[in-house]
Amino acid sequence: LHVRSRRQRQMCIRDRYNCTIHLSYFDIQGDTLYNFIEEARTLAMKHIVKANQIKETEIANDQKNVYGVIYDFEGETATNLQFFLTDNSNHFIRGAMYYNLVPQPDSLEPVTSYIKADLHHFIESFSWR
């Protein structure tokens, strides 16, 4: 975990498939949630040029107070999945999956599916402390 400031923390997870998961946490006190959501959306939409499709899935778990969006990319994009999660008042986390190599969707598909399934599980089971 890399602490950039009192209000932001970052973590990168690298795996044996030459893939990196970037996670950034922000304390949103004093900032508007709208700005964080728009920044996450803007970063995701930068890949629209190379993506064949971007599937957006809304997350709304009232029981765990977890809300957000998953951006699932298809095509020769630098990223295969991005997401953000928030409690709409204090916490905001943004995640992005990147391969550290030239995108080749056909040959990477088995690994991509495996990692995406893990990330979806992470997102679905996420809760705030």
Protein backbone atom coordinates (compact mmCIF):
# COMPACT_ATOMS: atom_id res chain seq x y z
CA LEU A 1 0.00 0.00 0.00
CA HIS A 2 1.45 3.33 -1.07
CA VAL A 3 0.18 6.34 0.85
CA ARG A 4 0.33 9.39 -1.41
CA SER A 5 -1.37 11.70 1.04
CA ARG A 6 -3.60 11.62 4.07
CA ARG A 7 -6.59 11.38 1.74
CA GLN A 8 -5.31 9.01 -0.97
CA ARG A 9 -3.81 5.53 -0.88
CA GLN A 10 -2.70 3.41 -3.84
CA MET A 11 -1.87 -0.25 -4.28
CA CYS A 12 -0.71 -2.26 -7.30
CA ILE A 13 -1.11 -6.01 -7.47
CA ARG A 14 0.98 -7.84 -10.04
CA ASP A 15 0.42 -11.48 -10.87
CA ARG A 16 2.21 -14.23 -12.75
CA TYR A 17 0.28 -13.41 -15.94
CA ASN A 18 2.03 -10.06 -16.36
CA CYS A 19 -1.13 -8.26 -15.32
CA THR A 20 -1.38 -5.37 -12.86
CA ILE A 21 -4.43 -4.36 -10.84
CA HIS A 22 -4.22 -0.72 -9.78
CA LEU A 23 -6.34 0.25 -6.77
CA SER A 24 -6.70 3.81 -5.50
CA TYR A 25 -8.62 4.81 -2.38
CA PHE A 26 -9.80 8.36 -1.73
CA ASP A 27 -11.30 9.90 1.37
CA ILE A 28 -14.01 12.09 -0.15
CA GLN A 29 -14.60 14.36 2.81
CA GLY A 30 -14.74 17.92 1.60
CA ASP A 31 -14.80 16.92 -2.06
CA THR A 32 -17.80 16.28 -4.18
CA LEU A 33 -18.50 12.68 -5.08
CA TYR A 34 -19.44 13.84 -8.56
CA ASN A 35 -15.81 14.82 -9.32
CA PHE A 36 -14.50 11.38 -8.39
CA ILE A 37 -17.17 9.61 -10.44
CA GLU A 38 -16.53 11.82 -13.47
CA GLU A 39 -12.77 11.27 -13.25
CA ALA A 40 -13.27 7.48 -13.12
CA ARG A 41 -15.65 7.66 -16.10
CA THR A 42 -13.24 9.89 -18.08
CA LEU A 43 -10.33 7.52 -17.44
CA ALA A 44 -12.44 4.56 -18.58
CA MET A 45 -13.73 6.29 -21.71
CA LYS A 46 -10.19 7.13 -22.88
CA HIS A 47 -10.13 3.52 -24.14
CA ILE A 48 -13.22 3.87 -26.33
CA VAL A 49 -11.01 4.39 -29.41
CA LYS A 50 -9.61 0.84 -29.22
CA ALA A 51 -12.54 -0.94 -27.57
CA ASN A 52 -15.00 -2.97 -29.62
CA GLN A 53 -17.41 -2.62 -26.73
CA ILE A 54 -17.54 -1.16 -23.23
CA LYS A 55 -20.18 -2.77 -21.04
CA GLU A 56 -21.20 -0.68 -18.04
CA THR A 57 -22.71 -2.49 -15.06
CA GLU A 58 -24.13 -0.49 -12.16
CA ILE A 59 -23.54 -1.71 -8.63
CA ALA A 60 -26.09 -0.98 -5.94
CA ASN A 61 -25.89 -2.96 -2.71
CA ASP A 62 -27.97 -1.12 -0.13
CA GLN A 63 -27.30 -3.75 2.53
CA LYS A 64 -23.51 -3.19 2.36
CA ASN A 65 -23.78 0.49 1.36
CA VAL A 66 -21.68 -0.18 -1.75
CA TYR A 67 -22.43 1.56 -5.05
CA GLY A 68 -20.49 2.00 -8.26
CA VAL A 69 -19.93 1.00 -11.87
CA ILE A 70 -17.93 -1.73 -13.61
CA TYR A 71 -16.52 -0.93 -17.05
CA ASP A 72 -15.88 -4.17 -18.93
CA PHE A 73 -13.84 -3.72 -22.12
CA GLU A 74 -13.67 -5.91 -25.22
CA GLY A 75 -11.11 -5.44 -27.98
CA GLU A 76 -7.48 -4.41 -28.19
CA THR A 77 -7.54 -2.03 -25.24
CA ALA A 78 -4.80 -1.39 -22.71
CA THR A 79 -7.31 -2.17 -19.97
CA ASN A 80 -9.79 -5.01 -19.72
CA LEU A 81 -11.75 -3.92 -16.68
CA GLN A 82 -12.12 -0.78 -14.59
CA PHE A 83 -14.48 0.00 -11.73
CA PHE A 84 -15.24 2.34 -8.90
CA LEU A 85 -16.98 1.72 -5.58
CA THR A 86 -18.29 4.26 -3.09
CA ASP A 87 -20.55 4.59 -0.07
CA ASN A 88 -21.78 7.92 -1.51
CA SER A 89 -20.49 9.91 1.46
CA ASN A 90 -16.97 9.14 2.74
CA HIS A 91 -15.17 6.51 0.67
CA PHE A 92 -14.24 6.06 -2.98
CA ILE A 93 -12.13 3.29 -4.50
CA ARG A 94 -11.14 2.99 -8.14
CA GLY A 95 -9.65 -0.10 -9.75
CA ALA A 96 -8.17 -0.84 -13.18
CA MET A 97 -6.76 -4.01 -14.75
CA TYR A 98 -3.85 -3.67 -17.19
CA TYR A 99 -1.58 -6.12 -18.93
CA ASN A 100 2.09 -5.16 -19.06
CA LEU A 101 2.33 -6.16 -22.72
CA VAL A 102 0.80 -5.43 -26.12
CA PRO A 103 -2.92 -6.35 -26.04
CA GLN A 104 -3.73 -9.56 -27.93
CA PRO A 105 -7.31 -10.36 -26.94
CA ASP A 106 -7.52 -13.80 -28.56
CA SER A 107 -4.43 -15.27 -26.91
CA LEU A 108 -5.10 -13.56 -23.56
CA GLU A 109 -8.80 -14.47 -23.35
CA PRO A 110 -8.46 -17.44 -20.95
CA VAL A 111 -6.34 -15.44 -18.52
CA THR A 112 -8.48 -12.32 -18.93
CA SER A 113 -11.66 -14.28 -18.13
CA TYR A 114 -10.02 -15.78 -15.05
CA ILE A 115 -8.82 -12.42 -13.70
CA LYS A 116 -12.10 -10.67 -14.52
CA ALA A 117 -14.00 -13.38 -12.61
CA ASP A 118 -11.77 -12.76 -9.57
CA LEU A 119 -12.32 -9.01 -9.82
CA HIS A 120 -16.08 -9.45 -10.12
CA HIS A 121 -15.98 -11.61 -6.98
CA PHE A 122 -13.93 -8.93 -5.20
CA ILE A 123 -16.44 -6.26 -6.21
CA GLU A 124 -19.51 -8.35 -5.29
CA SER A 125 -18.11 -9.26 -1.86
CA PHE A 126 -16.71 -5.79 -1.08
CA SER A 127 -17.79 -4.03 2.11
CA TRP A 128 -16.63 -0.95 3.99
CA ARG A 129 -15.19 -1.12 7.51
